[in-house]
Amino acid sequence: MPWFFSPIARIRHATQKRLAEVTPHSKDFYILISFSSAMAALGLIMDNTAVIIGAMVVAPLVTPLFVFSLSVLILQGRDLWRSFLSILFGTIVALLVAASIGSIAHAFAQESTFLTGEILSRSKPDMLYFLVACISGLAGAFAYARPKIKEFVTGIAIAAAIIPPIAVAGIALSVDNIFLFRQSMLLYMFNIIGICLGSILMFVLLGFGKEIEKTNATPNV
């Protein structure tokens, strides 16, 4: 029996519609990604937490993750592919922008002076970050399924902290710091996988895949 509320089909379709409204279909998505990555890179180099938080608010990258997760569950190939491409190209854009900011900063300062505490903290991925990402995925999927609380998705995006690790990876590229690049990309992947797993679990608990399972189980007559 699905948790929380019903009917499931109506809620699932409404959730798909809300996600579709904010799923990137234009250059605006990549412009916001660029601004977010630039802000995050500057905040990291300045060791300024407030700027980093502002960058996470601007970042639209979390929504394609929820679209991807729901598409996996309900077998929507088109949305699955589109959301995957959005995540992939969004990641590349964020990486390149952060690398550009890092190169500019490196021209005016030594590497040791802008490898700040905020940057170095993203070089130590562990399972606690993965757990936070999973919980963020659970909360985000629940928020998207409930129209009255979907405005809290911004707070969930901050908790998920997707942009800072990829910005650190870009900065690491700009100074040829392979260890920092590898560690920050690992943290980024922890966040991506954790959010997807958490959101898939929440969508399952909400019963979003139930109709698909029934359809597949029905024998042909």
N, C-alpha and C. Protein backbone atom coordinates (compact mmCIF):
# COMPACT_ATOMS: atom_id res chain seq x y z
N MET A 1 0.84 -1.20 0.00
CA MET A 1 0.00 0.00 0.00
C MET A 1 0.88 1.25 0.00
N PRO A 2 0.67 2.20 -0.94
CA PRO A 2 1.49 3.40 -0.98
C PRO A 2 1.29 4.25 0.26
N TRP A 3 2.34 4.94 0.63
CA TRP A 3 2.30 5.76 1.83
C TRP A 3 1.75 7.15 1.55
N PHE A 4 1.33 7.82 2.59
CA PHE A 4 1.06 9.24 2.68
C PHE A 4 -0.26 9.69 2.06
N PHE A 5 -0.53 9.39 0.80
CA PHE A 5 -1.75 9.91 0.22
C PHE A 5 -2.05 9.17 -1.08
N SER A 6 -3.25 9.41 -1.64
CA SER A 6 -3.70 8.80 -2.86
C SER A 6 -4.72 9.74 -3.51
N PRO A 7 -5.21 9.50 -4.75
CA PRO A 7 -4.81 8.39 -5.61
C PRO A 7 -3.43 8.59 -6.22
N ILE A 8 -2.73 7.50 -6.41
CA ILE A 8 -1.34 7.56 -6.83
C ILE A 8 -1.16 8.11 -8.24
N ALA A 9 -2.00 7.65 -9.17
CA ALA A 9 -1.82 8.06 -10.57
C ALA A 9 -1.92 9.58 -10.73
N ARG A 10 -2.92 10.17 -10.07
CA ARG A 10 -3.10 11.62 -10.18
C ARG A 10 -1.90 12.38 -9.62
N ILE A 11 -1.40 11.92 -8.49
CA ILE A 11 -0.26 12.58 -7.85
C ILE A 11 0.99 12.42 -8.70
N ARG A 12 1.17 11.21 -9.24
CA ARG A 12 2.35 10.97 -10.07
C ARG A 12 2.35 11.87 -11.30
N HIS A 13 1.19 11.97 -11.97
CA HIS A 13 1.12 12.81 -13.16
C HIS A 13 1.32 14.29 -12.81
N ALA A 14 0.77 14.71 -11.67
CA ALA A 14 0.96 16.09 -11.23
C ALA A 14 2.43 16.37 -10.93
N THR A 15 3.09 15.41 -10.32
CA THR A 15 4.52 15.56 -10.02
C THR A 15 5.33 15.65 -11.31
N GLN A 16 5.02 14.78 -12.27
CA GLN A 16 5.70 14.83 -13.57
C GLN A 16 5.52 16.20 -14.22
N LYS A 17 4.31 16.74 -14.12
CA LYS A 17 4.03 18.03 -14.74
C LYS A 17 4.83 19.14 -14.07
N ARG A 18 4.89 19.12 -12.73
CA ARG A 18 5.65 20.14 -12.01
C ARG A 18 7.13 20.06 -12.35
N LEU A 19 7.64 18.84 -12.43
CA LEU A 19 9.05 18.66 -12.79
C LEU A 19 9.31 19.12 -14.22
N ALA A 20 8.36 18.82 -15.12
CA ALA A 20 8.53 19.21 -16.52
C ALA A 20 8.57 20.73 -16.67
N GLU A 21 7.84 21.44 -15.81
CA GLU A 21 7.80 22.89 -15.89
C GLU A 21 9.16 23.53 -15.60
N VAL A 22 9.97 22.84 -14.80
CA VAL A 22 11.27 23.40 -14.43
C VAL A 22 12.43 22.61 -15.02
N THR A 23 12.13 21.59 -15.82
CA THR A 23 13.18 20.84 -16.48
C THR A 23 13.81 21.70 -17.57
N PRO A 24 15.13 21.74 -17.65
CA PRO A 24 15.79 22.61 -18.62
C PRO A 24 15.47 22.24 -20.06
N HIS A 25 14.98 23.22 -20.82
CA HIS A 25 14.72 23.02 -22.24
C HIS A 25 15.42 24.10 -23.07
N SER A 26 16.14 25.00 -22.42
CA SER A 26 16.72 26.13 -23.14
C SER A 26 18.07 26.51 -22.57
N LYS A 27 18.64 27.54 -23.17
CA LYS A 27 19.94 28.02 -22.73
C LYS A 27 19.89 28.66 -21.35
N ASP A 28 18.69 29.02 -20.87
CA ASP A 28 18.57 29.64 -19.55
C ASP A 28 19.15 28.74 -18.46
N PHE A 29 18.94 27.43 -18.59
CA PHE A 29 19.46 26.47 -17.62
C PHE A 29 20.98 26.58 -17.53
N TYR A 30 21.63 26.63 -18.67
CA TYR A 30 23.09 26.67 -18.70
C TYR A 30 23.63 28.03 -18.28
N ILE A 31 22.87 29.08 -18.53
CA ILE A 31 23.26 30.40 -18.05
C ILE A 31 23.25 30.43 -16.53
N LEU A 32 22.19 29.87 -15.93
CA LEU A 32 22.11 29.81 -14.47
C LEU A 32 23.21 28.93 -13.89
N ILE A 33 23.49 27.82 -14.56
CA ILE A 33 24.59 26.95 -14.13
C ILE A 33 25.91 27.72 -14.14
N SER A 34 26.12 28.51 -15.19
CA SER A 34 27.35 29.29 -15.30
C SER A 34 27.47 30.30 -14.17
N PHE A 35 26.38 31.03 -13.91
CA PHE A 35 26.40 32.01 -12.81
C PHE A 35 26.65 31.31 -11.48
N SER A 36 25.97 30.20 -11.28
CA SER A 36 26.11 29.47 -10.02
C SER A 36 27.53 28.97 -9.82
N SER A 37 28.11 28.40 -10.86
CA SER A 37 29.47 27.88 -10.77
C SER A 37 30.48 29.00 -10.53
N ALA A 38 30.29 30.13 -11.21
CA ALA A 38 31.19 31.27 -11.02
C ALA A 38 31.11 31.79 -9.59
N MET A 39 29.88 31.92 -9.08
CA MET A 39 29.70 32.37 -7.70
C MET A 39 30.33 31.39 -6.72
N ALA A 40 30.11 30.10 -6.96
CA ALA A 40 30.65 29.08 -6.05
C ALA A 40 32.18 29.11 -6.06
N ALA A 41 32.76 29.22 -7.26
CA ALA A 41 34.22 29.25 -7.36
C ALA A 41 34.80 30.45 -6.63
N LEU A 42 34.19 31.61 -6.81
CA LEU A 42 34.66 32.81 -6.13
C LEU A 42 34.49 32.69 -4.62
N GLY A 43 33.34 32.16 -4.20
CA GLY A 43 33.10 31.97 -2.77
C GLY A 43 34.09 31.01 -2.15
N LEU A 44 34.42 29.96 -2.87
CA LEU A 44 35.40 28.99 -2.38
C LEU A 44 36.79 29.61 -2.27
N ILE A 45 37.18 30.36 -3.28
CA ILE A 45 38.50 31.00 -3.27
C ILE A 45 38.58 32.07 -2.18
N MET A 46 37.45 32.80 -1.98
CA MET A 46 37.40 33.83 -0.94
C MET A 46 37.19 33.24 0.45
N ASP A 47 36.88 31.95 0.50
CA ASP A 47 36.57 31.29 1.77
C ASP A 47 35.34 31.92 2.42
N ASN A 48 34.35 32.25 1.57
CA ASN A 48 33.15 32.96 2.01
C ASN A 48 31.95 32.03 1.92
N THR A 49 31.47 31.57 3.06
CA THR A 49 30.36 30.62 3.10
C THR A 49 29.08 31.21 2.54
N ALA A 50 28.82 32.49 2.81
CA ALA A 50 27.58 33.12 2.35
C ALA A 50 27.49 33.12 0.82
N VAL A 51 28.60 33.41 0.16
CA VAL A 51 28.62 33.41 -1.31
C VAL A 51 28.38 32.00 -1.84
N ILE A 52 28.96 31.01 -1.20
CA ILE A 52 28.78 29.62 -1.62
C ILE A 52 27.32 29.21 -1.49
N ILE A 53 26.68 29.60 -0.40
CA ILE A 53 25.26 29.29 -0.21
C ILE A 53 24.43 29.97 -1.29
N GLY A 54 24.76 31.22 -1.61
CA GLY A 54 24.06 31.92 -2.68
C GLY A 54 24.19 31.20 -4.01
N ALA A 55 25.35 30.64 -4.27
CA ALA A 55 25.56 29.88 -5.51
C ALA A 55 24.68 28.65 -5.55
N MET A 56 24.49 28.00 -4.41
CA MET A 56 23.65 26.80 -4.37
C MET A 56 22.18 27.14 -4.58
N VAL A 57 21.77 28.33 -4.14
CA VAL A 57 20.39 28.77 -4.36
C VAL A 57 20.13 28.97 -5.84
N VAL A 58 21.11 29.56 -6.54
CA VAL A 58 20.96 29.85 -7.97
C VAL A 58 20.97 28.57 -8.80
N ALA A 59 21.73 27.57 -8.38
CA ALA A 59 21.96 26.36 -9.19
C ALA A 59 20.67 25.61 -9.49
N PRO A 60 20.37 25.33 -10.77
CA PRO A 60 19.18 24.56 -11.14
C PRO A 60 19.45 23.08 -11.37
N LEU A 61 20.64 22.62 -11.00
CA LEU A 61 21.06 21.27 -11.38
C LEU A 61 20.31 20.17 -10.64
N VAL A 62 19.70 20.50 -9.50
CA VAL A 62 19.06 19.46 -8.69
C VAL A 62 17.79 18.92 -9.36
N THR A 63 17.07 19.77 -10.10
CA THR A 63 15.81 19.33 -10.69
C THR A 63 15.97 18.20 -11.70
N PRO A 64 16.94 18.25 -12.63
CA PRO A 64 17.11 17.11 -13.54
C PRO A 64 17.37 15.79 -12.83
N LEU A 65 17.95 15.85 -11.63
CA LEU A 65 18.18 14.62 -10.87
C LEU A 65 16.86 13.98 -10.46
N PHE A 66 15.89 14.80 -10.05
CA PHE A 66 14.58 14.26 -9.69
C PHE A 66 13.84 13.75 -10.92
N VAL A 67 13.98 14.46 -12.04
CA VAL A 67 13.37 13.99 -13.29
C VAL A 67 13.97 12.65 -13.69
N PHE A 68 15.28 12.55 -13.59
CA PHE A 68 15.98 11.30 -13.93
C PHE A 68 15.48 10.16 -13.05
N SER A 69 15.38 10.40 -11.75
CA SER A 69 14.96 9.35 -10.81
C SER A 69 13.54 8.89 -11.09
N LEU A 70 12.63 9.84 -11.30
CA LEU A 70 11.25 9.47 -11.58
C LEU A 70 11.14 8.74 -12.91
N SER A 71 11.93 9.16 -13.90
CA SER A 71 11.91 8.51 -15.22
C SER A 71 12.41 7.07 -15.14
N VAL A 72 13.42 6.83 -14.30
CA VAL A 72 13.91 5.46 -14.09
C VAL A 72 12.80 4.59 -13.53
N LEU A 73 12.07 5.13 -12.57
CA LEU A 73 11.05 4.34 -11.88
C LEU A 73 9.85 4.03 -12.77
N ILE A 74 9.41 5.00 -13.56
CA ILE A 74 8.19 4.79 -14.35
C ILE A 74 8.50 4.50 -15.83
N LEU A 75 9.78 4.25 -16.11
CA LEU A 75 10.20 3.81 -17.45
C LEU A 75 9.85 4.81 -18.55
N GLN A 76 10.18 6.07 -18.32
CA GLN A 76 9.98 7.12 -19.32
C GLN A 76 11.32 7.39 -20.01
N GLY A 77 11.54 6.71 -21.13
CA GLY A 77 12.83 6.78 -21.80
C GLY A 77 13.21 8.16 -22.27
N ARG A 78 12.25 8.90 -22.82
CA ARG A 78 12.57 10.23 -23.36
C ARG A 78 13.02 11.18 -22.25
N ASP A 79 12.24 11.24 -21.16
CA ASP A 79 12.61 12.11 -20.04
C ASP A 79 13.90 11.66 -19.38
N LEU A 80 14.12 10.35 -19.35
CA LEU A 80 15.35 9.81 -18.78
C LEU A 80 16.57 10.32 -19.55
N TRP A 81 16.49 10.25 -20.87
CA TRP A 81 17.60 10.67 -21.71
C TRP A 81 17.82 12.18 -21.63
N ARG A 82 16.74 12.93 -21.67
CA ARG A 82 16.86 14.39 -21.63
C ARG A 82 17.44 14.87 -20.29
N SER A 83 16.97 14.27 -19.21
CA SER A 83 17.49 14.67 -17.90
C SER A 83 18.95 14.26 -17.74
N PHE A 84 19.31 13.10 -18.29
CA PHE A 84 20.71 12.66 -18.24
C PHE A 84 21.61 13.65 -18.98
N LEU A 85 21.18 14.07 -20.16
CA LEU A 85 21.97 15.04 -20.93
C LEU A 85 22.07 16.37 -20.20
N SER A 86 20.98 16.77 -19.54
CA SER A 86 21.01 18.02 -18.78
C SER A 86 22.02 17.94 -17.65
N ILE A 87 22.05 16.81 -16.96
CA ILE A 87 23.02 16.62 -15.88
C ILE A 87 24.44 16.62 -16.43
N LEU A 88 24.65 15.88 -17.53
CA LEU A 88 25.98 15.77 -18.11
C LEU A 88 26.51 17.11 -18.60
N PHE A 89 25.72 17.79 -19.43
CA PHE A 89 26.18 19.06 -19.99
C PHE A 89 26.23 20.15 -18.92
N GLY A 90 25.31 20.10 -17.96
CA GLY A 90 25.36 21.05 -16.85
C GLY A 90 26.63 20.89 -16.05
N THR A 91 27.03 19.65 -15.84
CA THR A 91 28.28 19.37 -15.12
C THR A 91 29.48 19.90 -15.88
N ILE A 92 29.50 19.68 -17.19
CA ILE A 92 30.62 20.15 -18.01
C ILE A 92 30.71 21.67 -18.00
N VAL A 93 29.57 22.33 -18.14
CA VAL A 93 29.55 23.80 -18.12
C VAL A 93 30.05 24.32 -16.78
N ALA A 94 29.55 23.75 -15.69
CA ALA A 94 29.97 24.18 -14.35
C ALA A 94 31.47 23.98 -14.16
N LEU A 95 31.97 22.87 -14.65
CA LEU A 95 33.39 22.56 -14.52
C LEU A 95 34.25 23.57 -15.28
N LEU A 96 33.86 23.87 -16.51
CA LEU A 96 34.63 24.80 -17.34
C LEU A 96 34.60 26.22 -16.78
N VAL A 97 33.43 26.64 -16.30
CA VAL A 97 33.33 27.99 -15.73
C VAL A 97 34.20 28.12 -14.49
N ALA A 98 34.12 27.12 -13.61
CA ALA A 98 34.93 27.15 -12.39
C ALA A 98 36.43 27.12 -12.71
N ALA A 99 36.80 26.34 -13.73
CA ALA A 99 38.20 26.30 -14.15
C ALA A 99 38.66 27.66 -14.66
N SER A 100 37.79 28.35 -15.36
CA SER A 100 38.13 29.70 -15.86
C SER A 100 38.34 30.67 -14.71
N ILE A 101 37.44 30.61 -13.73
CA ILE A 101 37.58 31.47 -12.55
C ILE A 101 38.87 31.13 -11.81
N GLY A 102 39.16 29.84 -11.69
CA GLY A 102 40.39 29.41 -11.02
C GLY A 102 41.63 29.90 -11.74
N SER A 103 41.60 29.88 -13.06
CA SER A 103 42.75 30.35 -13.85
C SER A 103 42.99 31.84 -13.64
N ILE A 104 41.90 32.61 -13.60
CA ILE A 104 42.03 34.05 -13.36
C ILE A 104 42.61 34.30 -11.98
N ALA A 105 42.08 33.58 -10.98
CA ALA A 105 42.58 33.75 -9.61
C ALA A 105 44.05 33.34 -9.50
N HIS A 106 44.40 32.28 -10.23
CA HIS A 106 45.78 31.78 -10.18
C HIS A 106 46.77 32.78 -10.78
N ALA A 107 46.28 33.60 -11.70
CA ALA A 107 47.14 34.60 -12.32
C ALA A 107 47.53 35.70 -11.35
N PHE A 108 46.74 35.88 -10.30
CA PHE A 108 46.99 36.96 -9.34
C PHE A 108 47.49 36.47 -7.99
N ALA A 109 47.49 35.16 -7.78
CA ALA A 109 47.90 34.64 -6.47
C ALA A 109 48.50 33.26 -6.62
N GLN A 110 49.29 32.87 -5.65
CA GLN A 110 49.85 31.53 -5.62
C GLN A 110 48.76 30.52 -5.27
N GLU A 111 48.96 29.28 -5.72
CA GLU A 111 47.98 28.23 -5.45
C GLU A 111 47.71 28.08 -3.96
N SER A 112 48.75 28.17 -3.15
CA SER A 112 48.60 27.94 -1.72
C SER A 112 47.74 29.00 -1.04
N THR A 113 47.64 30.19 -1.65
CA THR A 113 46.88 31.26 -1.02
C THR A 113 45.39 31.16 -1.26
N PHE A 114 44.97 30.44 -2.30
CA PHE A 114 43.53 30.33 -2.49
C PHE A 114 43.02 28.90 -2.37
N LEU A 115 43.84 27.99 -1.91
CA LEU A 115 43.33 26.67 -1.51
C LEU A 115 42.84 26.80 -0.07
N THR A 116 41.66 27.38 0.05
CA THR A 116 41.11 27.77 1.35
C THR A 116 40.50 26.57 2.08
N GLY A 117 40.04 26.85 3.29
CA GLY A 117 39.38 25.80 4.07
C GLY A 117 38.13 25.27 3.38
N GLU A 118 37.37 26.17 2.74
CA GLU A 118 36.16 25.75 2.03
C GLU A 118 36.50 24.81 0.88
N ILE A 119 37.61 25.07 0.20
CA ILE A 119 38.03 24.20 -0.90
C ILE A 119 38.54 22.87 -0.37
N LEU A 120 39.40 22.92 0.61
CA LEU A 120 39.99 21.69 1.13
C LEU A 120 38.97 20.79 1.80
N SER A 121 37.89 21.37 2.33
CA SER A 121 36.86 20.55 2.96
C SER A 121 36.13 19.68 1.94
N ARG A 122 36.18 20.08 0.66
CA ARG A 122 35.56 19.27 -0.41
C ARG A 122 36.53 18.24 -0.97
N SER A 123 37.68 18.08 -0.35
CA SER A 123 38.65 17.08 -0.80
C SER A 123 38.65 15.85 0.09
N LYS A 124 37.66 15.78 0.98
CA LYS A 124 37.60 14.67 1.93
C LYS A 124 36.22 14.01 1.91
N PRO A 125 35.87 13.36 0.79
CA PRO A 125 34.56 12.71 0.71
C PRO A 125 34.47 11.53 1.66
N ASP A 126 33.32 11.38 2.29
CA ASP A 126 33.08 10.20 3.12
C ASP A 126 31.60 9.85 3.07
N MET A 127 31.22 8.79 3.76
CA MET A 127 29.85 8.29 3.68
C MET A 127 28.84 9.23 4.32
N LEU A 128 29.29 10.13 5.18
CA LEU A 128 28.36 11.08 5.77
C LEU A 128 27.80 12.03 4.70
N TYR A 129 28.65 12.43 3.76
CA TYR A 129 28.18 13.25 2.65
C TYR A 129 27.15 12.47 1.82
N PHE A 130 27.43 11.20 1.62
CA PHE A 130 26.50 10.36 0.86
C PHE A 130 25.17 10.25 1.58
N LEU A 131 25.21 10.12 2.90
CA LEU A 131 23.98 10.04 3.69
C LEU A 131 23.18 11.33 3.60
N VAL A 132 23.86 12.46 3.67
CA VAL A 132 23.18 13.75 3.52
C VAL A 132 22.51 13.85 2.16
N ALA A 133 23.21 13.40 1.11
CA ALA A 133 22.64 13.43 -0.24
C ALA A 133 21.41 12.54 -0.35
N CYS A 134 21.46 11.36 0.26
CA CYS A 134 20.30 10.46 0.24
C CYS A 134 19.09 11.10 0.91
N ILE A 135 19.32 11.71 2.07
CA ILE A 135 18.22 12.36 2.79
C ILE A 135 17.70 13.55 1.99
N SER A 136 18.59 14.28 1.33
CA SER A 136 18.17 15.38 0.47
C SER A 136 17.30 14.88 -0.67
N GLY A 137 17.67 13.73 -1.24
CA GLY A 137 16.86 13.14 -2.30
C GLY A 137 15.48 12.73 -1.80
N LEU A 138 15.42 12.14 -0.63
CA LEU A 138 14.13 11.78 -0.02
C LEU A 138 13.26 13.02 0.17
N ALA A 139 13.85 14.05 0.76
CA ALA A 139 13.10 15.27 1.04
C ALA A 139 12.68 15.99 -0.24
N GLY A 140 13.57 16.04 -1.22
CA GLY A 140 13.25 16.72 -2.46
C GLY A 140 12.14 16.05 -3.23
N ALA A 141 12.18 14.73 -3.33
CA ALA A 141 11.13 13.99 -4.03
C ALA A 141 9.79 14.18 -3.33
N PHE A 142 9.80 14.16 -2.00
CA PHE A 142 8.57 14.37 -1.24
C PHE A 142 8.02 15.77 -1.48
N ALA A 143 8.93 16.77 -1.51
CA ALA A 143 8.50 18.15 -1.72
C ALA A 143 7.89 18.34 -3.10
N TYR A 144 8.50 17.74 -4.13
CA TYR A 144 7.96 17.87 -5.48
C TYR A 144 6.60 17.18 -5.61
N ALA A 145 6.36 16.16 -4.81
CA ALA A 145 5.08 15.45 -4.86
C ALA A 145 3.99 16.15 -4.07
N ARG A 146 4.36 17.12 -3.27
CA ARG A 146 3.40 17.87 -2.46
C ARG A 146 3.42 19.33 -2.86
N PRO A 147 2.43 19.80 -3.63
CA PRO A 147 2.44 21.17 -4.14
C PRO A 147 2.59 22.23 -3.06
N LYS A 148 2.04 21.98 -1.88
CA LYS A 148 2.04 23.00 -0.83
C LYS A 148 3.41 23.23 -0.22
N ILE A 149 4.32 22.28 -0.41
CA ILE A 149 5.64 22.43 0.22
C ILE A 149 6.77 22.44 -0.80
N LYS A 150 6.46 22.54 -2.09
CA LYS A 150 7.52 22.45 -3.11
C LYS A 150 8.48 23.65 -3.06
N GLU A 151 8.04 24.76 -2.40
CA GLU A 151 8.94 25.90 -2.30
C GLU A 151 10.17 25.61 -1.44
N PHE A 152 10.11 24.52 -0.67
CA PHE A 152 11.25 24.17 0.17
C PHE A 152 12.35 23.46 -0.61
N VAL A 153 12.15 23.25 -1.90
CA VAL A 153 13.16 22.59 -2.72
C VAL A 153 14.46 23.39 -2.74
N THR A 154 14.35 24.72 -2.65
CA THR A 154 15.55 25.56 -2.62
C THR A 154 16.43 25.21 -1.42
N GLY A 155 15.81 25.05 -0.27
CA GLY A 155 16.56 24.64 0.91
C GLY A 155 17.18 23.27 0.75
N ILE A 156 16.47 22.39 0.06
CA ILE A 156 17.00 21.04 -0.18
C ILE A 156 18.20 21.11 -1.11
N ALA A 157 18.14 22.01 -2.10
CA ALA A 157 19.28 22.18 -3.01
C ALA A 157 20.52 22.65 -2.25
N ILE A 158 20.32 23.51 -1.25
CA ILE A 158 21.44 23.96 -0.44
C ILE A 158 22.01 22.80 0.36
N ALA A 159 21.12 22.00 0.95
CA ALA A 159 21.58 20.86 1.75
C ALA A 159 22.33 19.85 0.88
N ALA A 160 21.85 19.66 -0.35
CA ALA A 160 22.49 18.68 -1.24
C ALA A 160 23.89 19.12 -1.66
N ALA A 161 24.09 20.44 -1.78
CA ALA A 161 25.42 21.00 -2.06
C ALA A 161 26.06 20.37 -3.29
N ILE A 162 25.35 20.43 -4.42
CA ILE A 162 25.87 19.82 -5.64
C ILE A 162 26.97 20.67 -6.29
N ILE A 163 26.75 21.98 -6.35
CA ILE A 163 27.64 22.85 -7.10
C ILE A 163 29.04 23.01 -6.49
N PRO A 164 29.19 23.18 -5.18
CA PRO A 164 30.55 23.40 -4.64
C PRO A 164 31.58 22.34 -5.02
N PRO A 165 31.27 21.04 -4.95
CA PRO A 165 32.30 20.06 -5.33
C PRO A 165 32.74 20.17 -6.79
N ILE A 166 31.79 20.43 -7.69
CA ILE A 166 32.18 20.53 -9.10
C ILE A 166 32.96 21.83 -9.34
N ALA A 167 32.66 22.87 -8.56
CA ALA A 167 33.43 24.10 -8.65
C ALA A 167 34.86 23.87 -8.15
N VAL A 168 34.99 23.11 -7.08
CA VAL A 168 36.33 22.76 -6.57
C VAL A 168 37.10 21.97 -7.62
N ALA A 169 36.41 21.05 -8.29
CA ALA A 169 37.06 20.26 -9.35
C ALA A 169 37.58 21.17 -10.46
N GLY A 170 36.78 22.18 -10.83
CA GLY A 170 37.22 23.12 -11.85
C GLY A 170 38.44 23.92 -11.41
N ILE A 171 38.41 24.38 -10.16
CA ILE A 171 39.55 25.11 -9.61
C ILE A 171 40.79 24.22 -9.60
N ALA A 172 40.61 22.96 -9.23
CA ALA A 172 41.73 22.01 -9.21
C ALA A 172 42.33 21.83 -10.60
N LEU A 173 41.47 21.78 -11.62
CA LEU A 173 41.97 21.67 -12.99
C LEU A 173 42.81 22.88 -13.36
N SER A 174 42.39 24.05 -12.91
CA SER A 174 43.10 25.28 -13.29
C SER A 174 44.51 25.34 -12.72
N VAL A 175 44.76 24.59 -11.65
CA VAL A 175 46.11 24.59 -11.04
C VAL A 175 46.78 23.22 -11.15
N ASP A 176 46.20 22.35 -11.99
CA ASP A 176 46.76 21.01 -12.23
C ASP A 176 46.91 20.19 -10.95
N ASN A 177 45.95 20.34 -10.05
CA ASN A 177 45.96 19.58 -8.80
C ASN A 177 45.09 18.33 -9.00
N ILE A 178 45.70 17.25 -9.44
CA ILE A 178 44.95 16.05 -9.80
C ILE A 178 44.30 15.40 -8.58
N PHE A 179 45.00 15.42 -7.46
CA PHE A 179 44.44 14.81 -6.25
C PHE A 179 43.17 15.54 -5.83
N LEU A 180 43.20 16.86 -5.80
CA LEU A 180 42.02 17.65 -5.42
C LEU A 180 40.89 17.44 -6.42
N PHE A 181 41.24 17.38 -7.71
CA PHE A 181 40.23 17.13 -8.74
C PHE A 181 39.55 15.79 -8.52
N ARG A 182 40.34 14.76 -8.30
CA ARG A 182 39.79 13.42 -8.12
C ARG A 182 38.89 13.34 -6.88
N GLN A 183 39.35 13.92 -5.79
CA GLN A 183 38.58 13.85 -4.55
C GLN A 183 37.28 14.64 -4.63
N SER A 184 37.32 15.81 -5.23
CA SER A 184 36.11 16.62 -5.34
C SER A 184 35.12 16.01 -6.32
N MET A 185 35.61 15.38 -7.39
CA MET A 185 34.71 14.69 -8.31
C MET A 185 34.07 13.47 -7.65
N LEU A 186 34.83 12.82 -6.78
CA LEU A 186 34.27 11.69 -6.03
C LEU A 186 33.15 12.17 -5.12
N LEU A 187 33.36 13.31 -4.46
CA LEU A 187 32.30 13.87 -3.61
C LEU A 187 31.09 14.26 -4.45
N TYR A 188 31.34 14.82 -5.63
CA TYR A 188 30.25 15.19 -6.54
C TYR A 188 29.44 13.96 -6.93
N MET A 189 30.11 12.87 -7.25
CA MET A 189 29.42 11.64 -7.61
C MET A 189 28.66 11.07 -6.41
N PHE A 190 29.23 11.16 -5.21
CA PHE A 190 28.51 10.77 -4.00
C PHE A 190 27.18 11.51 -3.92
N ASN A 191 27.24 12.83 -4.15
CA ASN A 191 26.03 13.65 -4.05
C ASN A 191 25.00 13.26 -5.11
N ILE A 192 25.47 13.10 -6.35
CA ILE A 192 24.56 12.75 -7.45
C ILE A 192 23.88 11.41 -7.19
N ILE A 193 24.67 10.40 -6.88
CA ILE A 193 24.12 9.06 -6.66
C ILE A 193 23.22 9.04 -5.44
N GLY A 194 23.64 9.72 -4.38
CA GLY A 194 22.83 9.75 -3.16
C GLY A 194 21.48 10.39 -3.38
N ILE A 195 21.45 11.52 -4.08
CA ILE A 195 20.18 12.19 -4.35
C ILE A 195 19.28 11.32 -5.20
N CYS A 196 19.84 10.69 -6.23
CA CYS A 196 19.03 9.83 -7.10
C CYS A 196 18.47 8.63 -6.34
N LEU A 197 19.29 7.98 -5.54
CA LEU A 197 18.81 6.83 -4.77
C LEU A 197 17.75 7.24 -3.77
N GLY A 198 17.98 8.36 -3.08
CA GLY A 198 17.01 8.83 -2.10
C GLY A 198 15.69 9.19 -2.74
N SER A 199 15.72 9.87 -3.88
CA SER A 199 14.48 10.27 -4.54
C SER A 199 13.75 9.07 -5.13
N ILE A 200 14.49 8.11 -5.68
CA ILE A 200 13.84 6.90 -6.18
C ILE A 200 13.13 6.17 -5.05
N LEU A 201 13.80 6.07 -3.90
CA LEU A 201 13.19 5.41 -2.75
C LEU A 201 11.91 6.12 -2.33
N MET A 202 11.93 7.45 -2.28
CA MET A 202 10.73 8.19 -1.89
C MET A 202 9.61 8.00 -2.91
N PHE A 203 9.94 8.04 -4.20
CA PHE A 203 8.91 7.82 -5.22
C PHE A 203 8.32 6.42 -5.11
N VAL A 204 9.15 5.44 -4.76
CA VAL A 204 8.64 4.08 -4.54
C VAL A 204 7.70 4.05 -3.35
N LEU A 205 8.09 4.70 -2.26
CA LEU A 205 7.25 4.74 -1.07
C LEU A 205 5.92 5.44 -1.34
N LEU A 206 5.95 6.40 -2.25
CA LEU A 206 4.72 7.09 -2.62
C LEU A 206 3.88 6.27 -3.59
N GLY A 207 4.43 5.15 -4.07
CA GLY A 207 3.68 4.26 -4.94
C GLY A 207 3.72 4.62 -6.40
N PHE A 208 4.67 5.46 -6.81
CA PHE A 208 4.68 5.95 -8.18
C PHE A 208 4.95 4.86 -9.21
N GLY A 209 5.60 3.78 -8.84
CA GLY A 209 5.89 2.72 -9.79
C GLY A 209 4.88 1.60 -9.78
N LYS A 210 3.83 1.74 -8.97
CA LYS A 210 2.89 0.63 -8.77
C LYS A 210 2.13 0.28 -10.04
N GLU A 211 1.66 1.30 -10.77
CA GLU A 211 0.88 1.03 -11.98
C GLU A 211 1.74 0.35 -13.04
N ILE A 212 3.00 0.73 -13.13
CA ILE A 212 3.90 0.12 -14.11
C ILE A 212 4.06 -1.36 -13.81
N GLU A 213 4.25 -1.67 -12.52
CA GLU A 213 4.42 -3.06 -12.12
C GLU A 213 3.18 -3.88 -12.45
N LYS A 214 2.00 -3.31 -12.20
CA LYS A 214 0.76 -4.02 -12.50
C LYS A 214 0.62 -4.28 -13.99
N THR A 215 0.99 -3.27 -14.79
CA THR A 215 0.88 -3.42 -16.24
C THR A 215 1.80 -4.52 -16.74
N ASN A 216 3.03 -4.54 -16.22
CA ASN A 216 3.99 -5.55 -16.66
C ASN A 216 3.59 -6.94 -16.20
N ALA A 217 2.86 -7.02 -15.09
CA ALA A 217 2.48 -8.31 -14.54
C ALA A 217 1.22 -8.88 -15.20
N THR A 218 0.49 -8.04 -15.96
CA THR A 218 -0.75 -8.49 -16.57
C THR A 218 -0.46 -9.34 -17.80
N PRO A 219 -0.93 -10.60 -17.85
CA PRO A 219 -0.66 -11.45 -19.00
C PRO A 219 -1.44 -11.01 -20.23
N ASN A 220 -0.86 -11.21 -21.39
CA ASN A 220 -1.55 -10.89 -22.63
C ASN A 220 -2.67 -11.89 -22.88
N VAL A 221 -3.81 -11.38 -23.29
CA VAL A 221 -4.96 -12.26 -23.55
C VAL A 221 -5.12 -12.44 -25.05
